Amino acid sequence: MATGPLQKYPADSASLLLLWKYSTTVLWPCITEHDIDPGTPPTRADVLTGAPLLIDPYARLHFEISSARLTQLRADCPALPAYLPAPAQ
């Protein structure tokens, strides 16, 4: 499993807004519940850029925690919700 940021995020603004809502209400709290500080959640404007380095907490965390812990964290706290699959590469 890759340990860096996802390569692509949804491109349409409606999906990005769903991603922002998921990130702030589910993803960041989930990571925090695993005793890891993911930093400040992205703003709505950050998410609307679609830039992985602004919106993917794993972009920074892969430098800060072990790959085994990161793999488990990504399984427990997916970067994208199941209802919003990553676009094809």
N, C-alpha and C. Protein backbone atom coordinates (compact mmCIF):
# COMPACT_ATOMS: atom_id res chain seq x y z
N MET A 1 0.85 -1.18 0.00
CA MET A 1 0.00 0.00 0.00
C MET A 1 0.89 1.24 0.00
N ALA A 2 0.52 2.21 -0.80
CA ALA A 2 1.28 3.45 -0.85
C ALA A 2 1.18 4.18 0.48
N THR A 3 2.24 4.85 0.85
CA THR A 3 2.22 5.55 2.13
C THR A 3 2.18 7.06 1.97
N GLY A 4 2.30 7.57 0.75
CA GLY A 4 2.25 9.01 0.52
C GLY A 4 0.83 9.45 0.24
N PRO A 5 0.69 10.67 -0.25
CA PRO A 5 -0.65 11.18 -0.55
C PRO A 5 -1.27 10.43 -1.71
N LEU A 6 -2.58 10.45 -1.78
CA LEU A 6 -3.26 9.88 -2.93
C LEU A 6 -2.84 10.64 -4.17
N GLN A 7 -2.79 9.98 -5.29
CA GLN A 7 -2.36 10.63 -6.52
C GLN A 7 -3.42 11.56 -7.08
N LYS A 8 -4.70 11.19 -6.94
CA LYS A 8 -5.77 12.01 -7.50
C LYS A 8 -6.94 12.09 -6.54
N TYR A 9 -7.60 13.22 -6.58
CA TYR A 9 -8.83 13.44 -5.84
C TYR A 9 -9.91 13.77 -6.84
N PRO A 10 -11.17 13.73 -6.42
CA PRO A 10 -12.24 14.13 -7.34
C PRO A 10 -11.96 15.53 -7.88
N ALA A 11 -12.38 15.78 -9.10
CA ALA A 11 -12.12 17.08 -9.71
C ALA A 11 -13.32 18.03 -9.63
N ASP A 12 -14.52 17.48 -9.51
CA ASP A 12 -15.70 18.35 -9.51
C ASP A 12 -15.92 18.95 -8.12
N SER A 13 -16.43 20.16 -8.09
CA SER A 13 -16.56 20.89 -6.83
C SER A 13 -17.54 20.22 -5.87
N ALA A 14 -18.60 19.59 -6.38
CA ALA A 14 -19.56 18.92 -5.49
C ALA A 14 -18.88 17.78 -4.72
N SER A 15 -18.08 16.98 -5.42
CA SER A 15 -17.37 15.87 -4.75
C SER A 15 -16.32 16.41 -3.79
N LEU A 16 -15.65 17.49 -4.17
CA LEU A 16 -14.65 18.07 -3.27
C LEU A 16 -15.30 18.62 -2.00
N LEU A 17 -16.49 19.17 -2.11
CA LEU A 17 -17.20 19.64 -0.91
C LEU A 17 -17.59 18.48 -0.02
N LEU A 18 -18.00 17.36 -0.63
CA LEU A 18 -18.29 16.15 0.16
C LEU A 18 -17.01 15.67 0.85
N LEU A 19 -15.90 15.75 0.15
CA LEU A 19 -14.61 15.35 0.74
C LEU A 19 -14.25 16.25 1.91
N TRP A 20 -14.47 17.56 1.77
CA TRP A 20 -14.18 18.49 2.87
C TRP A 20 -15.03 18.14 4.10
N LYS A 21 -16.31 17.90 3.89
CA LYS A 21 -17.20 17.55 5.00
C LYS A 21 -16.71 16.26 5.67
N TYR A 22 -16.37 15.26 4.87
CA TYR A 22 -15.86 13.99 5.40
C TYR A 22 -14.55 14.22 6.17
N SER A 23 -13.66 15.00 5.59
CA SER A 23 -12.36 15.23 6.22
C SER A 23 -12.50 15.86 7.60
N THR A 24 -13.35 16.87 7.69
CA THR A 24 -13.47 17.60 8.95
C THR A 24 -14.32 16.91 9.99
N THR A 25 -15.28 16.08 9.56
CA THR A 25 -16.16 15.44 10.54
C THR A 25 -15.82 13.98 10.82
N VAL A 26 -15.07 13.34 9.92
CA VAL A 26 -14.76 11.92 10.09
C VAL A 26 -13.26 11.65 10.10
N LEU A 27 -12.57 12.05 9.04
CA LEU A 27 -11.16 11.66 8.88
C LEU A 27 -10.26 12.23 9.96
N TRP A 28 -10.25 13.53 10.14
CA TRP A 28 -9.36 14.12 11.16
C TRP A 28 -9.70 13.60 12.57
N PRO A 29 -10.99 13.55 12.95
CA PRO A 29 -11.31 12.98 14.27
C PRO A 29 -10.87 11.51 14.40
N CYS A 30 -11.01 10.73 13.34
CA CYS A 30 -10.59 9.33 13.38
C CYS A 30 -9.09 9.22 13.64
N ILE A 31 -8.31 10.00 12.93
CA ILE A 31 -6.86 9.97 13.13
C ILE A 31 -6.52 10.39 14.55
N THR A 32 -7.18 11.41 15.05
CA THR A 32 -6.95 11.89 16.41
C THR A 32 -7.29 10.81 17.44
N GLU A 33 -8.35 10.04 17.18
CA GLU A 33 -8.73 8.95 18.10
C GLU A 33 -7.65 7.87 18.18
N HIS A 34 -6.77 7.81 17.20
CA HIS A 34 -5.67 6.85 17.20
C HIS A 34 -4.41 7.45 17.82
N ASP A 35 -4.58 8.53 18.59
CA ASP A 35 -3.48 9.20 19.29
C ASP A 35 -2.40 9.72 18.36
N ILE A 36 -2.83 10.22 17.21
CA ILE A 36 -1.92 10.83 16.25
C ILE A 36 -2.46 12.23 15.96
N ASP A 37 -1.58 13.20 15.94
CA ASP A 37 -1.98 14.57 15.64
C ASP A 37 -1.86 14.80 14.14
N PRO A 38 -2.99 14.88 13.43
CA PRO A 38 -2.93 15.08 11.99
C PRO A 38 -2.74 16.54 11.59
N GLY A 39 -2.65 17.42 12.56
CA GLY A 39 -2.53 18.84 12.26
C GLY A 39 -3.90 19.46 12.08
N THR A 40 -3.91 20.64 11.54
CA THR A 40 -5.15 21.38 11.35
C THR A 40 -5.90 20.83 10.14
N PRO A 41 -7.19 20.58 10.29
CA PRO A 41 -7.96 20.10 9.12
C PRO A 41 -7.93 21.13 8.00
N PRO A 42 -8.07 20.67 6.77
CA PRO A 42 -8.06 21.62 5.66
C PRO A 42 -9.30 22.50 5.67
N THR A 43 -9.11 23.71 5.18
CA THR A 43 -10.26 24.60 5.03
C THR A 43 -11.04 24.19 3.78
N ARG A 44 -12.21 24.73 3.66
CA ARG A 44 -13.01 24.46 2.46
C ARG A 44 -12.24 24.90 1.21
N ALA A 45 -11.60 26.05 1.29
CA ALA A 45 -10.81 26.56 0.16
C ALA A 45 -9.65 25.62 -0.18
N ASP A 46 -8.99 25.06 0.86
CA ASP A 46 -7.90 24.10 0.63
C ASP A 46 -8.40 22.91 -0.19
N VAL A 47 -9.54 22.37 0.24
CA VAL A 47 -10.08 21.18 -0.43
C VAL A 47 -10.50 21.50 -1.86
N LEU A 48 -11.07 22.65 -2.06
CA LEU A 48 -11.51 23.01 -3.41
C LEU A 48 -10.35 23.16 -4.40
N THR A 49 -9.12 23.31 -3.90
CA THR A 49 -7.98 23.35 -4.80
C THR A 49 -7.71 21.97 -5.39
N GLY A 50 -8.08 20.92 -4.66
CA GLY A 50 -7.81 19.56 -5.11
C GLY A 50 -6.36 19.15 -4.95
N ALA A 51 -5.55 19.97 -4.30
CA ALA A 51 -4.12 19.69 -4.14
C ALA A 51 -3.90 18.68 -3.01
N PRO A 52 -3.39 17.49 -3.33
CA PRO A 52 -3.21 16.46 -2.30
C PRO A 52 -2.40 16.91 -1.09
N LEU A 53 -1.38 17.73 -1.29
CA LEU A 53 -0.56 18.15 -0.16
C LEU A 53 -1.32 19.05 0.81
N LEU A 54 -2.39 19.67 0.35
CA LEU A 54 -3.20 20.51 1.23
C LEU A 54 -4.30 19.72 1.93
N ILE A 55 -4.76 18.64 1.31
CA ILE A 55 -5.95 17.97 1.84
C ILE A 55 -5.74 16.55 2.34
N ASP A 56 -4.58 15.97 2.11
CA ASP A 56 -4.34 14.59 2.53
C ASP A 56 -3.46 14.57 3.77
N PRO A 57 -4.01 14.17 4.92
CA PRO A 57 -3.19 14.16 6.14
C PRO A 57 -2.03 13.17 6.05
N TYR A 58 -2.17 12.16 5.21
CA TYR A 58 -1.12 11.15 5.10
C TYR A 58 0.10 11.66 4.35
N ALA A 59 -0.04 12.77 3.63
CA ALA A 59 1.11 13.37 2.94
C ALA A 59 2.18 13.77 3.95
N ARG A 60 1.76 14.25 5.11
CA ARG A 60 2.71 14.65 6.15
C ARG A 60 3.00 13.48 7.10
N LEU A 61 1.98 12.71 7.43
CA LEU A 61 2.14 11.66 8.43
C LEU A 61 3.09 10.56 7.99
N HIS A 62 3.26 10.35 6.68
CA HIS A 62 4.14 9.26 6.27
C HIS A 62 5.60 9.56 6.62
N PHE A 63 5.89 10.82 6.96
CA PHE A 63 7.23 11.17 7.44
C PHE A 63 7.35 11.03 8.96
N GLU A 64 6.20 10.95 9.65
CA GLU A 64 6.21 11.05 11.10
C GLU A 64 5.93 9.75 11.84
N ILE A 65 5.32 8.77 11.18
CA ILE A 65 5.01 7.51 11.85
C ILE A 65 5.52 6.35 11.01
N SER A 66 5.64 5.18 11.63
CA SER A 66 6.16 4.01 10.93
C SER A 66 5.22 3.60 9.80
N SER A 67 5.76 2.94 8.81
CA SER A 67 4.94 2.50 7.68
C SER A 67 3.89 1.49 8.12
N ALA A 68 4.22 0.63 9.10
CA ALA A 68 3.23 -0.33 9.59
C ALA A 68 2.07 0.38 10.26
N ARG A 69 2.38 1.38 11.08
CA ARG A 69 1.31 2.13 11.76
C ARG A 69 0.51 2.94 10.75
N LEU A 70 1.17 3.50 9.76
CA LEU A 70 0.49 4.27 8.73
C LEU A 70 -0.45 3.38 7.92
N THR A 71 -0.02 2.19 7.58
CA THR A 71 -0.87 1.26 6.84
C THR A 71 -2.12 0.93 7.64
N GLN A 72 -1.97 0.65 8.92
CA GLN A 72 -3.13 0.36 9.76
C GLN A 72 -4.04 1.58 9.89
N LEU A 73 -3.44 2.75 10.05
CA LEU A 73 -4.22 3.98 10.18
C LEU A 73 -5.02 4.25 8.92
N ARG A 74 -4.39 4.05 7.76
CA ARG A 74 -5.11 4.26 6.49
C ARG A 74 -6.25 3.27 6.33
N ALA A 75 -6.10 2.06 6.86
CA ALA A 75 -7.19 1.08 6.80
C ALA A 75 -8.33 1.49 7.72
N ASP A 76 -7.99 2.00 8.90
CA ASP A 76 -9.00 2.41 9.88
C ASP A 76 -9.64 3.75 9.54
N CYS A 77 -8.88 4.63 8.92
CA CYS A 77 -9.32 6.00 8.62
C CYS A 77 -9.02 6.30 7.15
N PRO A 78 -9.83 5.80 6.23
CA PRO A 78 -9.53 6.01 4.81
C PRO A 78 -9.56 7.49 4.43
N ALA A 79 -8.66 7.87 3.53
CA ALA A 79 -8.58 9.26 3.09
C ALA A 79 -9.81 9.68 2.30
N LEU A 80 -10.43 8.73 1.63
CA LEU A 80 -11.67 9.01 0.89
C LEU A 80 -12.77 8.11 1.43
N PRO A 81 -13.98 8.64 1.57
CA PRO A 81 -15.10 7.79 2.01
C PRO A 81 -15.48 6.81 0.90
N ALA A 82 -16.07 5.70 1.28
CA ALA A 82 -16.46 4.68 0.31
C ALA A 82 -17.44 5.23 -0.74
N TYR A 83 -18.24 6.18 -0.38
CA TYR A 83 -19.22 6.74 -1.32
C TYR A 83 -18.59 7.73 -2.29
N LEU A 84 -17.29 7.98 -2.16
CA LEU A 84 -16.61 8.94 -3.02
C LEU A 84 -15.29 8.31 -3.48
N PRO A 85 -15.36 7.36 -4.42
CA PRO A 85 -14.15 6.67 -4.83
C PRO A 85 -13.15 7.59 -5.53
N ALA A 86 -11.89 7.25 -5.42
CA ALA A 86 -10.85 8.03 -6.10
C ALA A 86 -11.01 7.89 -7.60
N PRO A 87 -10.78 8.94 -8.34
CA PRO A 87 -10.86 8.86 -9.79
C PRO A 87 -9.80 7.91 -10.34
N ALA A 88 -10.04 7.37 -11.51
CA ALA A 88 -9.07 6.48 -12.14
C ALA A 88 -7.81 7.26 -12.45
N GLN A 89 -6.68 6.60 -12.33
CA GLN A 89 -5.38 7.25 -12.57
C GLN A 89 -5.17 7.48 -14.04
